[in-house]
């Protein structure tokens, strides 16, 4: 972690009133100072990492991950039933394992799409 007193460079930018308001709201939601939030978000982006989620975003991410997994399981089971097939316990476990293994990536993608940002 970089010590605050070792920061000797400053970055500034111009934004519109609307952009400023959006950035201000996001920083306030994070319960961090504006500069601390900007630094975290910019460094995460520079390192190709998602910014840390605040509590509300983290909860939305967890719920979305579970919804994505449940949707995958349900659609697979319904599809098999529509074809007149039954699902064995082993098949069900494979469906659950596959849905769980992919749910976080799919949830992040869906939340990014919903927020209008580009999914990575």
C-alpha atoms as a PDB file:
ATOM      1  CA  UNK A   1       0.000   0.000   0.000  1.00  0.00           C
ATOM      2  CA  UNK A   2       1.286   3.447  -0.875  1.00  0.00           C
ATOM      3  CA  UNK A   3       1.759   5.772   2.068  1.00  0.00           C
ATOM      4  CA  UNK A   4      -0.282   8.990   1.719  1.00  0.00           C
ATOM      5  CA  UNK A   5       2.773  11.202   2.249  1.00  0.00           C
ATOM      6  CA  UNK A   6       4.616   9.552  -0.669  1.00  0.00           C
ATOM      7  CA  UNK A   7       2.030  10.816  -3.147  1.00  0.00           C
ATOM      8  CA  UNK A   8       3.740  13.644  -4.978  1.00  0.00           C
ATOM      9  CA  UNK A   9       1.869  13.721  -8.299  1.00  0.00           C
ATOM     10  CA  UNK A  10      -1.525  15.211  -9.008  1.00  0.00           C
ATOM     11  CA  UNK A  11      -4.026  14.257 -11.709  1.00  0.00           C
ATOM     12  CA  UNK A  12      -6.884  16.533 -12.665  1.00  0.00           C
ATOM     13  CA  UNK A  13      -9.593  16.504 -15.313  1.00  0.00           C
ATOM     14  CA  UNK A  14     -12.466  18.556 -16.564  1.00  0.00           C
ATOM     15  CA  UNK A  15     -16.003  17.165 -16.351  1.00  0.00           C
ATOM     16  CA  UNK A  16     -19.477  18.477 -17.068  1.00  0.00           C
ATOM     17  CA  UNK A  17     -21.885  19.382 -14.282  1.00  0.00           C
ATOM     18  CA  UNK A  18     -23.775  16.142 -14.895  1.00  0.00           C
ATOM     19  CA  UNK A  19     -20.603  14.034 -14.840  1.00  0.00           C
ATOM     20  CA  UNK A  20     -19.473  15.768 -11.667  1.00  0.00           C
ATOM     21  CA  UNK A  21     -22.796  14.996  -9.995  1.00  0.00           C
ATOM     22  CA  UNK A  22     -22.548  11.333 -11.035  1.00  0.00           C
ATOM     23  CA  UNK A  23     -19.003  11.039  -9.706  1.00  0.00           C
ATOM     24  CA  UNK A  24     -19.928  12.804  -6.493  1.00  0.00           C
ATOM     25  CA  UNK A  25     -22.864  10.445  -5.873  1.00  0.00           C
ATOM     26  CA  UNK A  26     -20.713   7.383  -6.528  1.00  0.00           C
ATOM     27  CA  UNK A  27     -18.017   8.603  -4.142  1.00  0.00           C
ATOM     28  CA  UNK A  28     -20.595   9.326  -1.435  1.00  0.00           C
ATOM     29  CA  UNK A  29     -22.100   5.838  -1.806  1.00  0.00           C
ATOM     30  CA  UNK A  30     -18.670   4.343  -1.201  1.00  0.00           C
ATOM     31  CA  UNK A  31     -18.350   6.161   2.143  1.00  0.00           C
ATOM     32  CA  UNK A  32     -14.864   7.287   1.119  1.00  0.00           C
ATOM     33  CA  UNK A  33     -13.446  10.683   0.387  1.00  0.00           C
ATOM     34  CA  UNK A  34     -13.814  11.751  -3.219  1.00  0.00           C
ATOM     35  CA  UNK A  35     -10.081  11.548  -3.861  1.00  0.00           C
ATOM     36  CA  UNK A  36      -9.757   8.120  -2.212  1.00  0.00           C
ATOM     37  CA  UNK A  37     -12.638   6.806  -4.308  1.00  0.00           C
ATOM     38  CA  UNK A  38     -11.223   8.296  -7.540  1.00  0.00           C
ATOM     39  CA  UNK A  39      -7.797   6.823  -6.797  1.00  0.00           C
ATOM     40  CA  UNK A  40      -9.249   3.363  -6.113  1.00  0.00           C
ATOM     41  CA  UNK A  41     -11.395   3.349  -9.246  1.00  0.00           C
ATOM     42  CA  UNK A  42      -8.690   4.714 -11.540  1.00  0.00           C
ATOM     43  CA  UNK A  43      -6.010   2.343 -10.264  1.00  0.00           C
ATOM     44  CA  UNK A  44      -8.351  -0.653 -10.508  1.00  0.00           C
ATOM     45  CA  UNK A  45      -9.163   0.294 -14.099  1.00  0.00           C
ATOM     46  CA  UNK A  46      -5.488   0.865 -14.927  1.00  0.00           C
ATOM     47  CA  UNK A  47      -4.708  -2.619 -13.607  1.00  0.00           C
ATOM     48  CA  UNK A  48      -7.639  -4.134 -15.556  1.00  0.00           C
ATOM     49  CA  UNK A  49      -9.411  -5.041 -12.334  1.00  0.00           C
ATOM     50  CA  UNK A  50     -12.980  -4.266 -11.372  1.00  0.00           C
ATOM     51  CA  UNK A  51     -13.312  -1.556  -8.769  1.00  0.00           C
ATOM     52  CA  UNK A  52     -14.214  -2.807  -5.308  1.00  0.00           C
ATOM     53  CA  UNK A  53     -17.941  -2.995  -4.780  1.00  0.00           C
ATOM     54  CA  UNK A  54     -19.627  -1.090  -2.004  1.00  0.00           C
ATOM     55  CA  UNK A  55     -22.047  -3.003   0.239  1.00  0.00           C
ATOM     56  CA  UNK A  56     -25.116  -2.354  -1.927  1.00  0.00           C
ATOM     57  CA  UNK A  57     -23.307  -3.258  -5.143  1.00  0.00           C
ATOM     58  CA  UNK A  58     -21.835  -6.357  -3.507  1.00  0.00           C
ATOM     59  CA  UNK A  59     -25.270  -7.492  -2.412  1.00  0.00           C
ATOM     60  CA  UNK A  60     -26.668  -6.899  -5.907  1.00  0.00           C
ATOM     61  CA  UNK A  61     -23.767  -8.886  -7.358  1.00  0.00           C
ATOM     62  CA  UNK A  62     -24.369 -11.811  -4.989  1.00  0.00           C
ATOM     63  CA  UNK A  63     -28.108 -11.854  -5.677  1.00  0.00           C
ATOM     64  CA  UNK A  64     -27.558 -11.588  -9.433  1.00  0.00           C
ATOM     65  CA  UNK A  65     -25.079 -14.482  -9.305  1.00  0.00           C
ATOM     66  CA  UNK A  66     -27.654 -16.677  -7.593  1.00  0.00           C
ATOM     67  CA  UNK A  67     -30.404 -15.647 -10.022  1.00  0.00           C
ATOM     68  CA  UNK A  68     -28.134 -16.431 -12.976  1.00  0.00           C
ATOM     69  CA  UNK A  69     -27.322 -19.865 -11.538  1.00  0.00           C
ATOM     70  CA  UNK A  70     -30.971 -20.642 -10.761  1.00  0.00           C
ATOM     71  CA  UNK A  71     -32.000 -19.544 -14.251  1.00  0.00           C
ATOM     72  CA  UNK A  72     -29.432 -21.843 -15.858  1.00  0.00           C
ATOM     73  CA  UNK A  73     -30.537 -24.804 -13.753  1.00  0.00           C
ATOM     74  CA  UNK A  74     -34.249 -24.156 -14.283  1.00  0.00           C
ATOM     75  CA  UNK A  75     -33.956 -23.738 -18.049  1.00  0.00           C
ATOM     76  CA  UNK A  76     -31.939 -26.938 -18.390  1.00  0.00           C
ATOM     77  CA  UNK A  77     -34.409 -28.940 -16.275  1.00  0.00           C
ATOM     78  CA  UNK A  78     -37.440 -27.519 -18.089  1.00  0.00           C
ATOM     79  CA  UNK A  79     -35.864 -28.221 -21.464  1.00  0.00           C
ATOM     80  CA  UNK A  80     -35.268 -31.862 -20.534  1.00  0.00           C
ATOM     81  CA  UNK A  81     -38.822 -32.193 -19.211  1.00  0.00           C
ATOM     82  CA  UNK A  82     -40.240 -30.625 -22.370  1.00  0.00           C
ATOM     83  CA  UNK A  83     -38.479 -33.367 -24.343  1.00  0.00           C
ATOM     84  CA  UNK A  84     -40.088 -35.973 -22.065  1.00  0.00           C
ATOM     85  CA  UNK A  85     -36.819 -36.805 -20.312  1.00  0.00           C
ATOM     86  CA  UNK A  86     -36.201 -37.063 -16.599  1.00  0.00           C
ATOM     87  CA  UNK A  87     -33.255 -35.589 -14.727  1.00  0.00           C
ATOM     88  CA  UNK A  88     -31.203 -37.991 -12.653  1.00  0.00           C
ATOM     89  CA  UNK A  89     -29.554 -36.984  -9.397  1.00  0.00           C
ATOM     90  CA  UNK A  90     -26.148 -37.074 -11.096  1.00  0.00           C
ATOM     91  CA  UNK A  91     -27.337 -34.862 -13.965  1.00  0.00           C
ATOM     92  CA  UNK A  92     -28.862 -32.432 -11.500  1.00  0.00           C
ATOM     93  CA  UNK A  93     -25.584 -32.219  -9.580  1.00  0.00           C
ATOM     94  CA  UNK A  94     -23.690 -31.554 -12.838  1.00  0.00           C
ATOM     95  CA  UNK A  95     -26.162 -28.783 -13.711  1.00  0.00           C
ATOM     96  CA  UNK A  96     -25.698 -27.230 -10.282  1.00  0.00           C
ATOM     97  CA  UNK A  97     -21.906 -27.460 -10.449  1.00  0.00           C
ATOM     98  CA  UNK A  98     -21.797 -25.945 -13.937  1.00  0.00           C
ATOM     99  CA  UNK A  99     -24.167 -23.126 -12.982  1.00  0.00           C
ATOM    100  CA  UNK A 100     -22.149 -22.358  -9.843  1.00  0.00           C
ATOM    101  CA  UNK A 101     -18.843 -22.354 -11.703  1.00  0.00           C
ATOM    102  CA  UNK A 102     -20.000 -19.701 -14.166  1.00  0.00           C
ATOM    103  CA  UNK A 103     -22.430 -17.596 -12.133  1.00  0.00           C
ATOM    104  CA  UNK A 104     -20.014 -14.884 -10.972  1.00  0.00           C
ATOM    105  CA  UNK A 105     -18.728 -14.077 -14.457  1.00  0.00           C
ATOM    106  CA  UNK A 106     -22.228 -14.066 -15.913  1.00  0.00           C
ATOM    107  CA  UNK A 107     -23.593 -11.944 -13.058  1.00  0.00           C
ATOM    108  CA  UNK A 108     -20.858  -9.324 -13.515  1.00  0.00           C
ATOM    109  CA  UNK A 109     -21.530  -9.242 -17.251  1.00  0.00           C
ATOM    110  CA  UNK A 110     -25.283  -8.800 -16.729  1.00  0.00           C
ATOM    111  CA  UNK A 111     -24.815  -6.060 -14.121  1.00  0.00           C
ATOM    112  CA  UNK A 112     -22.371  -4.228 -16.386  1.00  0.00           C
ATOM    113  CA  UNK A 113     -24.841  -4.475 -19.274  1.00  0.00           C
ATOM    114  CA  UNK A 114     -27.624  -3.177 -17.063  1.00  0.00           C
ATOM    115  CA  UNK A 115     -25.535  -0.219 -15.926  1.00  0.00           C
ATOM    116  CA  UNK A 116     -24.646   0.625 -19.504  1.00  0.00           C
ATOM    117  CA  UNK A 117     -20.926  -0.033 -19.155  1.00  0.00           C
ATOM    118  CA  UNK A 118     -18.954  -2.298 -21.431  1.00  0.00           C
ATOM    119  CA  UNK A 119     -18.515  -5.842 -20.128  1.00  0.00           C
ATOM    120  CA  UNK A 120     -14.956  -7.116 -20.036  1.00  0.00           C
END
